[in-house]
């Protein structure tokens, strides 16, 4: 007997980031939770259920996502870099208005940084 299993790891990753950043309370699977999408460079990589309920999809730009869901939080994935000025996530996080959170550095430069899931 064979079985095909589909795991929604994109949403799981978004929920892990939501918990790590302290955005909202459990259950993070609720469509009533804070909308969040994780960005990698110029596009969204992982979207939680609350953001999906507003029509946000994987591969969209952050600008498109904010048009559909004005209150969305969009942190950038963690990066590693050889450039001295690069900063790891969460210093790349944007607040719900799309503004850089106070005291945070600029987002990583994709010419000198690589995405990294190791923390």
PDB file of N, CA and C in Angstrom:
ATOM      1  N   UNK A   1       0.837  -1.177   0.000  1.00  0.00           N
ATOM      2  CA  UNK A   1       0.000   0.000   0.000  1.00  0.00           C
ATOM      3  C   UNK A   1       0.886   1.246   0.000  1.00  0.00           C
ATOM      4  N   UNK A   2       0.522   2.232  -0.804  1.00  0.00           N
ATOM      5  CA  UNK A   2       1.266   3.484  -0.876  1.00  0.00           C
ATOM      6  C   UNK A   2       0.398   4.614  -0.330  1.00  0.00           C
ATOM      7  N   UNK A   3       1.047   5.577   0.253  1.00  0.00           N
ATOM      8  CA  UNK A   3       0.332   6.745   0.774  1.00  0.00           C
ATOM      9  C   UNK A   3       1.046   8.009   0.318  1.00  0.00           C
ATOM     10  N   UNK A   4       0.269   8.978  -0.034  1.00  0.00           N
ATOM     11  CA  UNK A   4       0.814  10.289  -0.393  1.00  0.00           C
ATOM     12  C   UNK A   4       0.435  11.247   0.726  1.00  0.00           C
ATOM     13  N   UNK A   5       1.437  11.911   1.271  1.00  0.00           N
ATOM     14  CA  UNK A   5       1.211  12.827   2.385  1.00  0.00           C
ATOM     15  C   UNK A   5       1.583  14.230   1.933  1.00  0.00           C
ATOM     16  N   UNK A   6       0.700  15.170   2.157  1.00  0.00           N
ATOM     17  CA  UNK A   6       0.975  16.567   1.834  1.00  0.00           C
ATOM     18  C   UNK A   6       1.038  17.352   3.146  1.00  0.00           C
ATOM     19  N   UNK A   7       2.163  17.989   3.401  1.00  0.00           N
ATOM     20  CA  UNK A   7       2.326  18.804   4.600  1.00  0.00           C
ATOM     21  C   UNK A   7       2.428  20.264   4.189  1.00  0.00           C
ATOM     22  N   UNK A   8       1.668  21.119   4.826  1.00  0.00           N
ATOM     23  CA  UNK A   8       1.692  22.542   4.529  1.00  0.00           C
ATOM     24  C   UNK A   8       2.816  23.184   5.337  1.00  0.00           C
ATOM     25  N   UNK A   9       4.057  22.990   4.910  1.00  0.00           N
ATOM     26  CA  UNK A   9       5.196  23.501   5.659  1.00  0.00           C
ATOM     27  C   UNK A   9       5.393  24.996   5.470  1.00  0.00           C
ATOM     28  N   UNK A  10       4.876  25.570   4.386  1.00  0.00           N
ATOM     29  CA  UNK A  10       4.956  27.024   4.223  1.00  0.00           C
ATOM     30  C   UNK A  10       4.214  27.705   5.364  1.00  0.00           C
ATOM     31  N   UNK A  11       3.012  27.261   5.627  1.00  0.00           N
ATOM     32  CA  UNK A  11       2.229  27.857   6.705  1.00  0.00           C
ATOM     33  C   UNK A  11       2.877  27.553   8.053  1.00  0.00           C
ATOM     34  N   UNK A  12       3.422  26.356   8.204  1.00  0.00           N
ATOM     35  CA  UNK A  12       4.103  26.006   9.444  1.00  0.00           C
ATOM     36  C   UNK A  12       5.272  26.953   9.688  1.00  0.00           C
ATOM     37  N   UNK A  13       6.083  27.218   8.666  1.00  0.00           N
ATOM     38  CA  UNK A  13       7.225  28.119   8.803  1.00  0.00           C
ATOM     39  C   UNK A  13       6.747  29.524   9.188  1.00  0.00           C
ATOM     40  N   UNK A  14       5.673  29.990   8.591  1.00  0.00           N
ATOM     41  CA  UNK A  14       5.117  31.311   8.938  1.00  0.00           C
ATOM     42  C   UNK A  14       4.682  31.326  10.402  1.00  0.00           C
ATOM     43  N   UNK A  15       4.090  30.240  10.853  1.00  0.00           N
ATOM     44  CA  UNK A  15       3.642  30.167  12.248  1.00  0.00           C
ATOM     45  C   UNK A  15       4.832  30.121  13.213  1.00  0.00           C
ATOM     46  N   UNK A  16       5.901  29.452  12.834  1.00  0.00           N
ATOM     47  CA  UNK A  16       7.111  29.422  13.662  1.00  0.00           C
ATOM     48  C   UNK A  16       7.673  30.836  13.789  1.00  0.00           C
ATOM     49  N   UNK A  17       7.740  31.564  12.671  1.00  0.00           N
ATOM     50  CA  UNK A  17       8.227  32.940  12.709  1.00  0.00           C
ATOM     51  C   UNK A  17       7.301  33.827  13.536  1.00  0.00           C
ATOM     52  N   UNK A  18       6.004  33.619  13.424  1.00  0.00           N
ATOM     53  CA  UNK A  18       5.035  34.395  14.191  1.00  0.00           C
ATOM     54  C   UNK A  18       5.255  34.173  15.691  1.00  0.00           C
ATOM     55  N   UNK A  19       5.467  32.935  16.068  1.00  0.00           N
ATOM     56  CA  UNK A  19       5.716  32.631  17.479  1.00  0.00           C
ATOM     57  C   UNK A  19       7.051  33.209  17.929  1.00  0.00           C
ATOM     58  N   UNK A  20       8.096  33.060  17.094  1.00  0.00           N
ATOM     59  CA  UNK A  20       9.430  33.559  17.425  1.00  0.00           C
ATOM     60  C   UNK A  20       9.426  35.068  17.629  1.00  0.00           C
ATOM     61  N   UNK A  21       8.662  35.774  16.816  1.00  0.00           N
ATOM     62  CA  UNK A  21       8.593  37.236  16.909  1.00  0.00           C
ATOM     63  C   UNK A  21       7.604  37.711  17.971  1.00  0.00           C
ATOM     64  N   UNK A  22       6.871  36.768  18.567  1.00  0.00           N
ATOM     65  CA  UNK A  22       5.923  37.134  19.620  1.00  0.00           C
ATOM     66  C   UNK A  22       4.710  37.878  19.114  1.00  0.00           C
ATOM     67  N   UNK A  23       4.250  37.529  17.918  1.00  0.00           N
ATOM     68  CA  UNK A  23       3.086  38.193  17.321  1.00  0.00           C
ATOM     69  C   UNK A  23       1.825  37.397  17.598  1.00  0.00           C
ATOM     70  N   UNK A  24       1.052  37.834  18.547  1.00  0.00           N
ATOM     71  CA  UNK A  24      -0.215  37.178  18.855  1.00  0.00           C
ATOM     72  C   UNK A  24      -0.064  36.038  19.834  1.00  0.00           C
ATOM     73  N   UNK A  25      -1.179  35.386  20.061  1.00  0.00           N
ATOM     74  CA  UNK A  25      -1.270  34.274  21.006  1.00  0.00           C
ATOM     75  C   UNK A  25      -1.736  33.027  20.266  1.00  0.00           C
ATOM     76  N   UNK A  26      -1.446  31.841  20.815  1.00  0.00           N
ATOM     77  CA  UNK A  26      -1.953  30.617  20.196  1.00  0.00           C
ATOM     78  C   UNK A  26      -3.479  30.624  20.178  1.00  0.00           C
ATOM     79  N   UNK A  27      -4.122  29.963  19.275  1.00  0.00           N
ATOM     80  CA  UNK A  27      -3.521  29.143  18.231  1.00  0.00           C
ATOM     81  C   UNK A  27      -3.109  29.990  17.026  1.00  0.00           C
ATOM     82  N   UNK A  28      -1.879  29.785  16.545  1.00  0.00           N
ATOM     83  CA  UNK A  28      -1.404  30.543  15.390  1.00  0.00           C
ATOM     84  C   UNK A  28      -2.017  30.019  14.097  1.00  0.00           C
ATOM     85  N   UNK A  29      -2.737  28.912  14.174  1.00  0.00           N
ATOM     86  CA  UNK A  29      -3.413  28.375  12.989  1.00  0.00           C
ATOM     87  C   UNK A  29      -4.757  29.060  12.754  1.00  0.00           C
ATOM     88  N   UNK A  30      -5.209  29.868  13.676  1.00  0.00           N
ATOM     89  CA  UNK A  30      -6.505  30.529  13.560  1.00  0.00           C
ATOM     90  C   UNK A  30      -6.485  31.598  12.476  1.00  0.00           C
ATOM     91  N   UNK A  31      -7.570  31.674  11.723  1.00  0.00           N
ATOM     92  CA  UNK A  31      -7.685  32.734  10.709  1.00  0.00           C
ATOM     93  C   UNK A  31      -7.890  34.095  11.365  1.00  0.00           C
ATOM     94  N   UNK A  32      -8.125  34.111  12.687  1.00  0.00           N
ATOM     95  CA  UNK A  32      -8.272  35.359  13.428  1.00  0.00           C
ATOM     96  C   UNK A  32      -6.945  35.844  14.004  1.00  0.00           C
ATOM     97  N   UNK A  33      -5.850  35.092  13.789  1.00  0.00           N
ATOM     98  CA  UNK A  33      -4.552  35.503  14.310  1.00  0.00           C
ATOM     99  C   UNK A  33      -3.994  36.651  13.459  1.00  0.00           C
ATOM    100  N   UNK A  34      -2.863  37.178  13.854  1.00  0.00           N
ATOM    101  CA  UNK A  34      -2.238  38.301  13.142  1.00  0.00           C
ATOM    102  C   UNK A  34      -1.726  37.818  11.784  1.00  0.00           C
ATOM    103  N   UNK A  35      -2.093  38.503  10.684  1.00  0.00           N
ATOM    104  CA  UNK A  35      -1.616  38.093   9.359  1.00  0.00           C
ATOM    105  C   UNK A  35      -0.097  38.271   9.252  1.00  0.00           C
ATOM    106  N   UNK A  36       0.586  37.242   8.725  1.00  0.00           N
ATOM    107  CA  UNK A  36       2.036  37.271   8.598  1.00  0.00           C
ATOM    108  C   UNK A  36       2.450  36.525   7.340  1.00  0.00           C
ATOM    109  N   UNK A  37       3.423  37.086   6.638  1.00  0.00           N
ATOM    110  CA  UNK A  37       4.032  36.419   5.494  1.00  0.00           C
ATOM    111  C   UNK A  37       5.535  36.631   5.594  1.00  0.00           C
ATOM    112  N   UNK A  38       6.302  35.577   5.401  1.00  0.00           N
ATOM    113  CA  UNK A  38       7.754  35.671   5.460  1.00  0.00           C
ATOM    114  C   UNK A  38       8.265  35.951   4.054  1.00  0.00           C
ATOM    115  N   UNK A  39       9.111  36.978   3.930  1.00  0.00           N
ATOM    116  CA  UNK A  39       9.656  37.363   2.630  1.00  0.00           C
ATOM    117  C   UNK A  39      11.073  36.832   2.457  1.00  0.00           C
ATOM    118  N   UNK A  40      11.401  36.529   1.218  1.00  0.00           N
ATOM    119  CA  UNK A  40      12.785  36.253   0.839  1.00  0.00           C
ATOM    120  C   UNK A  40      13.063  37.108  -0.369  1.00  0.00           C
ATOM    121  N   UNK A  41      13.930  38.088  -0.176  1.00  0.00           N
ATOM    122  CA  UNK A  41      14.257  39.119  -1.155  1.00  0.00           C
ATOM    123  C   UNK A  41      13.004  39.907  -1.514  1.00  0.00           C
ATOM    124  N   UNK A  42      12.485  39.777  -2.729  1.00  0.00           N
ATOM    125  CA  UNK A  42      11.365  40.626  -3.145  1.00  0.00           C
ATOM    126  C   UNK A  42      10.012  39.914  -3.133  1.00  0.00           C
ATOM    127  N   UNK A  43       9.981  38.653  -2.742  1.00  0.00           N
ATOM    128  CA  UNK A  43       8.733  37.887  -2.813  1.00  0.00           C
ATOM    129  C   UNK A  43       8.434  37.157  -1.517  1.00  0.00           C
ATOM    130  N   UNK A  44       7.158  36.826  -1.355  1.00  0.00           N
ATOM    131  CA  UNK A  44       6.728  36.124  -0.156  1.00  0.00           C
ATOM    132  C   UNK A  44       7.004  34.633  -0.287  1.00  0.00           C
ATOM    133  N   UNK A  45       7.513  34.061   0.784  1.00  0.00           N
ATOM    134  CA  UNK A  45       7.925  32.666   0.789  1.00  0.00           C
ATOM    135  C   UNK A  45       6.945  31.787   1.562  1.00  0.00           C
ATOM    136  N   UNK A  46       6.432  32.296   2.674  1.00  0.00           N
ATOM    137  CA  UNK A  46       5.534  31.515   3.532  1.00  0.00           C
ATOM    138  C   UNK A  46       4.453  32.432   4.080  1.00  0.00           C
ATOM    139  N   UNK A  47       3.208  31.974   4.050  1.00  0.00           N
ATOM    140  CA  UNK A  47       2.063  32.798   4.452  1.00  0.00           C
ATOM    141  C   UNK A  47       1.245  32.029   5.476  1.00  0.00           C
ATOM    142  N   UNK A  48       0.844  32.698   6.564  1.00  0.00           N
ATOM    143  CA  UNK A  48       0.005  32.012   7.546  1.00  0.00           C
ATOM    144  C   UNK A  48      -1.460  32.035   7.092  1.00  0.00           C
ATOM    145  N   UNK A  49      -2.296  31.288   7.807  1.00  0.00           N
ATOM    146  CA  UNK A  49      -3.697  31.158   7.411  1.00  0.00           C
ATOM    147  C   UNK A  49      -4.453  32.483   7.471  1.00  0.00           C
ATOM    148  N   UNK A  50      -4.128  33.338   8.431  1.00  0.00           N
ATOM    149  CA  UNK A  50      -4.809  34.630   8.550  1.00  0.00           C
ATOM    150  C   UNK A  50      -4.553  35.493   7.312  1.00  0.00           C
ATOM    151  N   UNK A  51      -3.324  35.485   6.799  1.00  0.00           N
ATOM    152  CA  UNK A  51      -3.008  36.260   5.592  1.00  0.00           C
ATOM    153  C   UNK A  51      -3.628  35.610   4.359  1.00  0.00           C
ATOM    154  N   UNK A  52      -3.646  34.280   4.318  1.00  0.00           N
ATOM    155  CA  UNK A  52      -4.277  33.581   3.189  1.00  0.00           C
ATOM    156  C   UNK A  52      -5.762  33.924   3.085  1.00  0.00           C
ATOM    157  N   UNK A  53      -6.399  34.117   4.225  1.00  0.00           N
ATOM    158  CA  UNK A  53      -7.826  34.464   4.229  1.00  0.00           C
ATOM    159  C   UNK A  53      -8.085  35.803   3.544  1.00  0.00           C
ATOM    160  N   UNK A  54      -7.060  36.654   3.450  1.00  0.00           N
ATOM    161  CA  UNK A  54      -7.179  37.946   2.767  1.00  0.00           C
ATOM    162  C   UNK A  54      -6.762  37.860   1.300  1.00  0.00           C
ATOM    163  N   UNK A  55      -6.383  36.669   0.845  1.00  0.00           N
ATOM    164  CA  UNK A  55      -6.000  36.484  -0.549  1.00  0.00           C
ATOM    165  C   UNK A  55      -4.508  36.569  -0.813  1.00  0.00           C
ATOM    166  N   UNK A  56      -3.690  36.651   0.227  1.00  0.00           N
ATOM    167  CA  UNK A  56      -2.239  36.709   0.059  1.00  0.00           C
ATOM    168  C   UNK A  56      -1.746  35.324  -0.338  1.00  0.00           C
ATOM    169  N   UNK A  57      -0.866  35.272  -1.355  1.00  0.00           N
ATOM    170  CA  UNK A  57      -0.374  33.991  -1.872  1.00  0.00           C
ATOM    171  C   UNK A  57       1.144  33.977  -1.953  1.00  0.00           C
ATOM    172  N   UNK A  58       1.694  32.789  -1.937  1.00  0.00           N
ATOM    173  CA  UNK A  58       3.138  32.590  -2.074  1.00  0.00           C
ATOM    174  C   UNK A  58       3.603  33.144  -3.426  1.00  0.00           C
ATOM    175  N   UNK A  59       4.745  33.833  -3.415  1.00  0.00           N
ATOM    176  CA  UNK A  59       5.296  34.386  -4.647  1.00  0.00           C
ATOM    177  C   UNK A  59       4.890  35.825  -4.917  1.00  0.00           C
ATOM    178  N   UNK A  60       3.897  36.324  -4.198  1.00  0.00           N
ATOM    179  CA  UNK A  60       3.481  37.725  -4.357  1.00  0.00           C
ATOM    180  C   UNK A  60       4.576  38.663  -3.850  1.00  0.00           C
ATOM    181  N   UNK A  61       4.544  39.889  -4.312  1.00  0.00           N
ATOM    182  CA  UNK A  61       5.442  40.896  -3.748  1.00  0.00           C
ATOM    183  C   UNK A  61       4.832  41.409  -2.446  1.00  0.00           C
ATOM    184  N   UNK A  62       5.662  41.988  -1.599  1.00  0.00           N
ATOM    185  CA  UNK A  62       5.177  42.544  -0.334  1.00  0.00           C
ATOM    186  C   UNK A  62       4.179  43.672  -0.597  1.00  0.00           C
ATOM    187  N   UNK A  63       4.386  44.424  -1.658  1.00  0.00           N
ATOM    188  CA  UNK A  63       3.472  45.522  -2.003  1.00  0.00           C
ATOM    189  C   UNK A  63       2.085  44.994  -2.323  1.00  0.00           C
ATOM    190  N   UNK A  64       2.020  43.929  -3.122  1.00  0.00           N
ATOM    191  CA  UNK A  64       0.723  43.319  -3.451  1.00  0.00           C
ATOM    192  C   UNK A  64       0.044  42.797  -2.192  1.00  0.00           C
ATOM    193  N   UNK A  65       0.825  42.165  -1.309  1.00  0.00           N
ATOM    194  CA  UNK A  65       0.265  41.608  -0.078  1.00  0.00           C
ATOM    195  C   UNK A  65      -0.313  42.716   0.806  1.00  0.00           C
ATOM    196  N   UNK A  66       0.372  43.850   0.893  1.00  0.00           N
ATOM    197  CA  UNK A  66      -0.125  44.962   1.721  1.00  0.00           C
ATOM    198  C   UNK A  66      -1.390  45.585   1.140  1.00  0.00           C
ATOM    199  N   UNK A  67      -1.558  45.532  -0.172  1.00  0.00           N
ATOM    200  CA  UNK A  67      -2.793  46.028  -0.781  1.00  0.00           C
ATOM    201  C   UNK A  67      -3.973  45.142  -0.390  1.00  0.00           C
ATOM    202  N   UNK A  68      -3.747  43.836  -0.356  1.00  0.00           N
ATOM    203  CA  UNK A  68      -4.809  42.895   0.009  1.00  0.00           C
ATOM    204  C   UNK A  68      -5.048  42.839   1.516  1.00  0.00           C
ATOM    205  N   UNK A  69      -3.977  43.025   2.287  1.00  0.00           N
ATOM    206  CA  UNK A  69      -4.049  42.863   3.737  1.00  0.00           C
ATOM    207  C   UNK A  69      -3.192  43.947   4.411  1.00  0.00           C
ATOM    208  N   UNK A  70      -3.772  45.141   4.624  1.00  0.00           N
ATOM    209  CA  UNK A  70      -2.995  46.267   5.149  1.00  0.00           C
ATOM    210  C   UNK A  70      -2.302  46.021   6.497  1.00  0.00           C
ATOM    211  N   UNK A  71      -2.798  45.144   7.341  1.00  0.00           N
ATOM    212  CA  UNK A  71      -2.208  44.907   8.648  1.00  0.00           C
ATOM    213  C   UNK A  71      -1.188  43.779   8.690  1.00  0.00           C
ATOM    214  N   UNK A  72      -0.736  43.303   7.539  1.00  0.00           N
ATOM    215  CA  UNK A  72       0.164  42.145   7.494  1.00  0.00           C
ATOM    216  C   UNK A  72       1.564  42.492   8.018  1.00  0.00           C
ATOM    217  N   UNK A  73       2.177  41.543   8.709  1.00  0.00           N
ATOM    218  CA  UNK A  73       3.565  41.667   9.154  1.00  0.00           C
ATOM    219  C   UNK A  73       4.411  40.859   8.182  1.00  0.00           C
ATOM    220  N   UNK A  74       5.542  41.447   7.714  1.00  0.00           N
ATOM    221  CA  UNK A  74       6.375  40.788   6.715  1.00  0.00           C
ATOM    222  C   UNK A  74       7.844  40.803   7.149  1.00  0.00           C
ATOM    223  N   UNK A  75       8.261  39.820   7.966  1.00  0.00           N
ATOM    224  CA  UNK A  75       9.686  39.722   8.288  1.00  0.00           C
ATOM    225  C   UNK A  75      10.435  39.051   7.140  1.00  0.00           C
ATOM    226  N   UNK A  76      11.734  39.314   7.018  1.00  0.00           N
ATOM    227  CA  UNK A  76      12.575  38.683   6.004  1.00  0.00           C
ATOM    228  C   UNK A  76      13.196  37.433   6.608  1.00  0.00           C
ATOM    229  N   UNK A  77      13.428  36.399   5.785  1.00  0.00           N
ATOM    230  CA  UNK A  77      14.074  35.185   6.287  1.00  0.00           C
ATOM    231  C   UNK A  77      15.462  35.534   6.806  1.00  0.00           C
ATOM    232  N   UNK A  78      15.975  34.710   7.713  1.00  0.00           N
ATOM    233  CA  UNK A  78      17.322  34.909   8.231  1.00  0.00           C
ATOM    234  C   UNK A  78      18.325  34.769   7.086  1.00  0.00           C
ATOM    235  N   UNK A  79      19.394  35.541   7.148  1.00  0.00           N
ATOM    236  CA  UNK A  79      20.414  35.485   6.105  1.00  0.00           C
ATOM    237  C   UNK A  79      21.800  35.386   6.735  1.00  0.00           C
ATOM    238  N   UNK A  80      22.741  34.905   5.929  1.00  0.00           N
ATOM    239  CA  UNK A  80      24.146  34.957   6.299  1.00  0.00           C
ATOM    240  C   UNK A  80      24.836  35.792   5.241  1.00  0.00           C
ATOM    241  N   UNK A  81      25.916  36.472   5.604  1.00  0.00           N
ATOM    242  CA  UNK A  81      26.544  37.375   4.662  1.00  0.00           C
ATOM    243  C   UNK A  81      28.025  37.527   4.954  1.00  0.00           C
ATOM    244  N   UNK A  82      28.753  37.864   3.907  1.00  0.00           N
ATOM    245  CA  UNK A  82      30.161  38.207   4.076  1.00  0.00           C
ATOM    246  C   UNK A  82      30.317  39.705   4.280  1.00  0.00           C
ATOM    247  N   UNK A  83      29.263  40.464   4.011  1.00  0.00           N
ATOM    248  CA  UNK A  83      29.319  41.920   4.176  1.00  0.00           C
ATOM    249  C   UNK A  83      29.202  42.272   5.655  1.00  0.00           C
ATOM    250  N   UNK A  84      30.051  43.171   6.186  1.00  0.00           N
ATOM    251  CA  UNK A  84      30.005  43.492   7.608  1.00  0.00           C
ATOM    252  C   UNK A  84      28.738  44.202   8.055  1.00  0.00           C
ATOM    253  N   UNK A  85      28.044  44.897   7.164  1.00  0.00           N
ATOM    254  CA  UNK A  85      26.864  45.667   7.560  1.00  0.00           C
ATOM    255  C   UNK A  85      25.585  44.839   7.564  1.00  0.00           C
ATOM    256  N   UNK A  86      25.646  43.603   7.066  1.00  0.00           N
ATOM    257  CA  UNK A  86      24.432  42.786   6.986  1.00  0.00           C
ATOM    258  C   UNK A  86      23.972  42.386   8.379  1.00  0.00           C
ATOM    259  N   UNK A  87      22.672  42.333   8.561  1.00  0.00           N
ATOM    260  CA  UNK A  87      22.110  41.977   9.864  1.00  0.00           C
ATOM    261  C   UNK A  87      21.155  40.810   9.692  1.00  0.00           C
ATOM    262  N   UNK A  88      21.163  39.843  10.596  1.00  0.00           N
ATOM    263  CA  UNK A  88      20.241  38.714  10.496  1.00  0.00           C
ATOM    264  C   UNK A  88      18.832  39.101  10.901  1.00  0.00           C
ATOM    265  N   UNK A  89      17.891  38.280  10.519  1.00  0.00           N
ATOM    266  CA  UNK A  89      16.515  38.459  10.951  1.00  0.00           C
ATOM    267  C   UNK A  89      16.497  38.342  12.467  1.00  0.00           C
ATOM    268  N   UNK A  90      15.733  39.034  13.274  1.00  0.00           N
ATOM    269  CA  UNK A  90      14.577  39.815  12.898  1.00  0.00           C
ATOM    270  C   UNK A  90      14.844  41.274  12.611  1.00  0.00           C
ATOM    271  N   UNK A  91      16.105  41.691  12.463  1.00  0.00           N
ATOM    272  CA  UNK A  91      16.357  43.105  12.219  1.00  0.00           C
ATOM    273  C   UNK A  91      15.876  43.552  10.848  1.00  0.00           C
ATOM    274  N   UNK A  92      15.427  42.600  10.039  1.00  0.00           N
ATOM    275  CA  UNK A  92      14.899  42.933   8.721  1.00  0.00           C
ATOM    276  C   UNK A  92      13.383  43.052   8.737  1.00  0.00           C
ATOM    277  N   UNK A  93      12.781  42.958   9.909  1.00  0.00           N
ATOM    278  CA  UNK A  93      11.328  42.937  10.006  1.00  0.00           C
ATOM    279  C   UNK A  93      10.711  44.286   9.667  1.00  0.00           C
ATOM    280  N   UNK A  94       9.554  44.228   9.056  1.00  0.00           N
ATOM    281  CA  UNK A  94       8.770  45.424   8.774  1.00  0.00           C
ATOM    282  C   UNK A  94       7.545  45.390   9.665  1.00  0.00           C
ATOM    283  N   UNK A  95       7.100  46.551  10.099  1.00  0.00           N
ATOM    284  CA  UNK A  95       5.885  46.564  10.904  1.00  0.00           C
ATOM    285  C   UNK A  95       4.674  46.466   9.986  1.00  0.00           C
ATOM    286  N   UNK A  96       3.477  46.501  10.553  1.00  0.00           N
ATOM    287  CA  UNK A  96       2.269  46.290   9.759  1.00  0.00           C
ATOM    288  C   UNK A  96       2.030  47.398   8.744  1.00  0.00           C
ATOM    289  N   UNK A  97       2.646  48.552   8.926  1.00  0.00           N
ATOM    290  CA  UNK A  97       2.496  49.648   7.959  1.00  0.00           C
ATOM    291  C   UNK A  97       3.561  49.574   6.877  1.00  0.00           C
ATOM    292  N   UNK A  98       4.421  48.560   6.947  1.00  0.00           N
ATOM    293  CA  UNK A  98       5.462  48.413   5.946  1.00  0.00           C
ATOM    294  C   UNK A  98       6.686  49.249   6.233  1.00  0.00           C
ATOM    295  N   UNK A  99       6.758  49.822   7.420  1.00  0.00           N
ATOM    296  CA  UNK A  99       7.897  50.646   7.792  1.00  0.00           C
ATOM    297  C   UNK A  99       8.912  49.800   8.545  1.00  0.00           C
ATOM    298  N   UNK A 100      10.160  50.167   8.442  1.00  0.00           N
ATOM    299  CA  UNK A 100      11.207  49.482   9.177  1.00  0.00           C
ATOM    300  C   UNK A 100      10.957  49.695  10.663  1.00  0.00           C
ATOM    301  N   UNK A 101      10.994  48.629  11.444  1.00  0.00           N
ATOM    302  CA  UNK A 101      10.763  48.766  12.877  1.00  0.00           C
ATOM    303  C   UNK A 101      11.877  49.618  13.475  1.00  0.00           C
ATOM    304  N   UNK A 102      11.543  50.425  14.450  1.00  0.00           N
ATOM    305  CA  UNK A 102      12.497  51.370  15.008  1.00  0.00           C
ATOM    306  C   UNK A 102      13.745  50.672  15.531  1.00  0.00           C
ATOM    307  N   UNK A 103      14.900  51.275  15.227  1.00  0.00           N
ATOM    308  CA  UNK A 103      16.167  50.754  15.696  1.00  0.00           C
ATOM    309  C   UNK A 103      16.700  49.571  14.907  1.00  0.00           C
ATOM    310  N   UNK A 104      16.055  49.219  13.821  1.00  0.00           N
ATOM    311  CA  UNK A 104      16.496  48.061  13.058  1.00  0.00           C
ATOM    312  C   UNK A 104      17.315  48.490  11.856  1.00  0.00           C
ATOM    313  N   UNK A 105      18.217  47.601  11.435  1.00  0.00           N
ATOM    314  CA  UNK A 105      19.081  47.902  10.311  1.00  0.00           C
ATOM    315  C   UNK A 105      18.378  47.641   8.986  1.00  0.00           C
ATOM    316  N   UNK A 106      19.063  47.984   7.898  1.00  0.00           N
ATOM    317  CA  UNK A 106      18.512  47.794   6.558  1.00  0.00           C
ATOM    318  C   UNK A 106      18.419  46.303   6.232  1.00  0.00           C
ATOM    319  N   UNK A 107      17.543  45.932   5.267  1.00  0.00           N
ATOM    320  CA  UNK A 107      17.414  44.516   4.888  1.00  0.00           C
ATOM    321  C   UNK A 107      18.696  44.019   4.229  1.00  0.00           C
ATOM    322  N   UNK A 108      18.872  42.709   4.146  1.00  0.00           N
ATOM    323  CA  UNK A 108      20.101  42.168   3.569  1.00  0.00           C
ATOM    324  C   UNK A 108      20.210  42.466   2.081  1.00  0.00           C
ATOM    325  N   UNK A 109      21.443  42.549   1.613  1.00  0.00           N
ATOM    326  CA  UNK A 109      21.730  42.760   0.192  1.00  0.00           C
ATOM    327  C   UNK A 109      21.824  41.392  -0.466  1.00  0.00           C
ATOM    328  N   UNK A 110      20.960  41.113  -1.444  1.00  0.00           N
ATOM    329  CA  UNK A 110      20.950  39.776  -2.024  1.00  0.00           C
ATOM    330  C   UNK A 110      22.175  39.482  -2.881  1.00  0.00           C
ATOM    331  N   UNK A 111      22.993  40.492  -3.151  1.00  0.00           N
ATOM    332  CA  UNK A 111      24.237  40.255  -3.877  1.00  0.00           C
ATOM    333  C   UNK A 111      25.339  39.722  -2.960  1.00  0.00           C
ATOM    334  N   UNK A 112      25.232  39.980  -1.661  1.00  0.00           N
ATOM    335  CA  UNK A 112      26.263  39.540  -0.725  1.00  0.00           C
ATOM    336  C   UNK A 112      25.732  38.612   0.363  1.00  0.00           C
ATOM    337  N   UNK A 113      24.435  38.351   0.384  1.00  0.00           N
ATOM    338  CA  UNK A 113      23.834  37.530   1.437  1.00  0.00           C
ATOM    339  C   UNK A 113      23.179  36.290   0.845  1.00  0.00           C
ATOM    340  N   UNK A 114      23.058  35.276   1.641  1.00  0.00           N
ATOM    341  CA  UNK A 114      22.339  34.059   1.262  1.00  0.00           C
ATOM    342  C   UNK A 114      21.325  33.760   2.345  1.00  0.00           C
ATOM    343  N   UNK A 115      20.178  33.212   1.943  1.00  0.00           N
ATOM    344  CA  UNK A 115      19.159  32.831   2.908  1.00  0.00           C
ATOM    345  C   UNK A 115      19.679  31.689   3.759  1.00  0.00           C
ATOM    346  N   UNK A 116      19.344  31.697   5.027  1.00  0.00           N
ATOM    347  CA  UNK A 116      19.842  30.687   5.951  1.00  0.00           C
ATOM    348  C   UNK A 116      18.744  30.347   6.957  1.00  0.00           C
ATOM    349  N   UNK A 117      18.445  29.076   7.117  1.00  0.00           N
ATOM    350  CA  UNK A 117      17.453  28.664   8.095  1.00  0.00           C
ATOM    351  C   UNK A 117      18.092  28.271   9.417  1.00  0.00           C
ATOM    352  N   UNK A 118      19.427  28.250   9.458  1.00  0.00           N
ATOM    353  CA  UNK A 118      20.117  27.911  10.705  1.00  0.00           C
ATOM    354  C   UNK A 118      20.137  29.121  11.627  1.00  0.00           C
ATOM    355  N   UNK A 119      19.827  28.942  12.890  1.00  0.00           N
ATOM    356  CA  UNK A 119      19.849  30.041  13.863  1.00  0.00           C
ATOM    357  C   UNK A 119      20.845  29.716  14.933  1.00  0.00           C
TER     358      UNK A 119
END
